[in-house]
Protein backbone atom coordinates (compact mmCIF):
# COMPACT_ATOMS: atom_id res chain seq x y z
CA UNK A 1 194.48 3.45 49.05
CA UNK A 2 190.20 4.25 49.35
CA UNK A 3 189.91 1.19 51.03
CA UNK A 4 193.22 1.26 52.62
CA UNK A 5 191.07 3.46 55.93
CA UNK A 6 188.49 1.02 56.31
CA UNK A 7 190.92 -2.37 55.99
CA UNK A 8 193.13 -0.36 58.65
CA UNK A 9 189.97 0.46 61.57
CA UNK A 10 189.22 -4.29 60.34
CA UNK A 11 192.05 -4.93 62.34
CA UNK A 12 193.06 -2.56 64.73
CA UNK A 13 189.15 -3.71 66.38
CA UNK A 14 191.02 -7.81 65.84
CA UNK A 15 193.56 -6.78 67.77
CA UNK A 16 192.03 -4.58 70.48
CA UNK A 17 192.47 -6.69 74.05
CA UNK A 18 188.51 -7.47 75.75
CA UNK A 19 188.79 -5.18 78.16
CA UNK A 20 185.78 -4.58 80.65
CA UNK A 21 186.34 -3.28 83.31
CA UNK A 22 184.32 -3.70 87.30
CA UNK A 23 185.28 -1.95 90.11
CA UNK A 24 185.25 -3.79 93.00
CA UNK A 25 181.56 -5.42 94.09
CA UNK A 26 181.25 -5.04 97.81
CA UNK A 27 179.80 -8.83 98.72
CA UNK A 28 178.69 -9.79 102.51
CA UNK A 29 178.04 -14.04 103.10
CA UNK A 30 176.30 -15.50 105.36
CA UNK A 31 177.28 -18.56 106.63
CA UNK A 32 175.75 -21.20 108.76
CA UNK A 33 174.27 -24.94 110.52
CA UNK A 34 172.82 -26.74 107.29
CA UNK A 35 170.85 -28.79 110.24
CA UNK A 36 170.84 -26.17 112.79
CA UNK A 37 170.39 -22.74 111.31
CA UNK A 38 172.58 -21.27 113.77
CA UNK A 39 175.54 -18.29 112.25
CA UNK A 40 179.04 -20.06 112.23
CA UNK A 41 181.93 -18.28 113.72
CA UNK A 42 185.78 -18.18 112.44
CA UNK A 43 184.82 -19.40 109.73
CA UNK A 44 187.79 -19.89 106.69
CA UNK A 45 185.79 -18.26 103.61
CA UNK A 46 188.54 -17.95 100.19
CA UNK A 47 188.43 -16.82 96.99
CA UNK A 48 190.14 -16.36 93.21
CA UNK A 49 189.77 -14.97 90.19
CA UNK A 50 189.03 -17.68 87.37
CA UNK A 51 191.20 -15.97 84.27
CA UNK A 52 191.46 -18.21 81.51
CA UNK A 53 192.06 -17.10 78.74
CA UNK A 54 191.91 -19.79 75.53
CA UNK A 55 192.95 -18.22 72.07
CA UNK A 56 191.43 -20.88 70.34
CA UNK A 57 187.96 -19.12 71.96
CA UNK A 58 188.71 -15.80 71.13
CA UNK A 59 187.28 -14.14 68.27
CA UNK A 60 189.92 -12.62 65.36
CA UNK A 61 191.25 -10.81 63.43
CA UNK A 62 188.81 -11.59 60.62
CA UNK A 63 186.22 -12.57 63.39
CA UNK A 64 186.87 -16.02 63.62
CA UNK A 65 188.46 -18.16 66.81
CA UNK A 66 192.14 -18.44 66.63
CA UNK A 67 192.99 -15.41 64.83
CA UNK A 68 195.68 -12.62 67.14
CA UNK A 69 195.53 -13.02 70.72
CA UNK A 70 194.60 -11.30 73.04
CA UNK A 71 193.73 -9.64 77.13
CA UNK A 72 192.02 -11.47 79.47
CA UNK A 73 191.54 -8.61 82.02
CA UNK A 74 191.49 -9.84 85.85
CA UNK A 75 189.42 -7.00 87.09
CA UNK A 76 190.30 -6.63 91.54
CA UNK A 77 190.22 -8.13 93.43
CA UNK A 78 191.90 -11.16 92.18
CA UNK A 79 192.43 -13.67 95.40
CA UNK A 80 190.96 -12.96 98.81
CA UNK A 81 190.79 -14.59 102.47
CA UNK A 82 187.82 -14.19 104.88
CA UNK A 83 186.60 -15.38 108.05
CA UNK A 84 183.21 -14.91 109.51
CA UNK A 85 182.68 -13.21 112.88
CA UNK A 86 179.69 -14.08 115.66
CA UNK A 87 176.87 -13.31 113.35
CA UNK A 88 178.40 -16.27 111.46
CA UNK A 89 179.14 -12.92 108.22
CA UNK A 90 181.94 -11.65 106.31
CA UNK A 91 181.82 -8.94 104.15
CA UNK A 92 184.66 -8.28 101.47
CA UNK A 93 185.25 -6.97 98.21
CA UNK A 94 184.13 -9.50 95.03
CA UNK A 95 185.57 -8.82 91.44
CA UNK A 96 182.21 -7.20 89.12
CA UNK A 97 182.25 -9.39 85.62
CA UNK A 98 184.42 -11.64 86.82
CA UNK A 99 183.92 -15.33 87.93
CA UNK A 100 185.38 -16.42 91.04
CA UNK A 101 185.46 -19.43 93.10
CA UNK A 102 184.95 -19.58 96.49
CA UNK A 103 186.18 -22.17 99.03
CA UNK A 104 184.32 -22.46 102.63
CA UNK A 105 185.61 -24.31 105.53
CA UNK A 106 185.52 -25.34 109.16
CA UNK A 107 186.73 -27.64 111.14
CA UNK A 108 183.49 -30.21 112.08
CA UNK A 109 182.28 -29.25 108.52
CA UNK A 110 182.85 -30.19 105.64
CA UNK A 111 183.91 -28.03 102.87
CA UNK A 112 182.06 -26.82 100.40
CA UNK A 113 182.70 -24.40 97.28
CA UNK A 114 181.04 -22.80 94.48
CA UNK A 115 180.99 -20.04 91.55
CA UNK A 116 180.12 -16.38 92.00
CA UNK A 117 179.41 -14.53 88.80
CA UNK A 118 179.24 -11.04 89.37
CA UNK A 119 177.45 -8.22 87.55
CA UNK A 120 178.67 -4.47 87.18
CA UNK A 121 176.66 -3.07 90.90
CA UNK A 122 176.42 -7.65 92.82
CA UNK A 123 176.72 -11.40 93.22
CA UNK A 124 174.09 -12.77 90.87
CA UNK A 125 172.58 -15.90 91.54
CA UNK A 126 173.42 -17.29 94.84
CA UNK A 127 170.99 -14.74 97.12
CA UNK A 128 169.64 -18.01 99.10
CA UNK A 129 170.84 -20.31 100.99
CA UNK A 130 172.57 -23.37 99.99
CA UNK A 131 175.60 -25.60 100.30
CA UNK A 132 177.85 -25.06 97.05
CA UNK A 133 179.26 -28.61 96.04
CA UNK A 134 181.19 -30.72 98.73
CA UNK A 135 182.93 -34.50 98.41
CA UNK A 136 180.33 -36.65 97.13
CA UNK A 137 179.22 -39.50 100.60
CA UNK A 138 179.40 -42.91 99.63
CA UNK A 139 177.02 -45.66 99.29
CA UNK A 140 176.09 -48.02 102.34
CA UNK A 141 178.19 -45.40 104.79
CA UNK A 142 176.99 -41.79 106.91
CA UNK A 143 178.73 -38.29 106.70
CA UNK A 144 180.55 -37.74 110.80
CA UNK A 145 181.07 -34.14 109.30
CA UNK A 146 178.49 -31.79 109.57
CA UNK A 147 177.38 -29.38 107.04
CA UNK A 148 177.26 -25.85 106.14
CA UNK A 149 174.89 -23.81 104.14
CA UNK A 150 175.34 -20.01 102.62
CA UNK A 151 174.58 -17.40 100.64
CA UNK A 152 175.84 -14.66 99.08
CA UNK A 153 174.75 -11.19 99.13
CA UNK A 154 175.30 -7.17 97.97
CA UNK A 155 176.66 -5.39 101.16
CA UNK A 156 174.01 -2.77 101.17
CA UNK A 157 175.43 -1.39 104.14
CA UNK A 158 178.56 -0.47 101.67
CA UNK A 159 175.90 1.79 99.71
CA UNK A 160 176.05 -0.51 96.37
């Protein structure tokens, strides 16, 4: 009977969901022409939380992978669509604590994509201008489309 209480505590801890809840993070996304540096207006910026759960990789009842499945909390917003203004900027909310896929599309420009990592207060690692991931251009050919670049910043005007 003495061992029953600790055993029940271990069992309860092993069944607990992965419950890391973060508030949404307000972000500012800048988009510009990669060659001229001019801001780009009317750029579609789409995002969605990457949430894939594999119970074989999560600690189970005895602390090893493959035990009792848990649940992954997807913080909100789980998806969003933004459009840049005349200054090449768009502001919106990003799910804090979850990785988010972002796709940037502008007619006449090569689409680009990236993963935004965010902690509880800000996006991490994309504060410098970059071109993200684009489709490769085959050797011996030249691109007929323009390239864009972007950065993702915390929106200082929101007080975040």
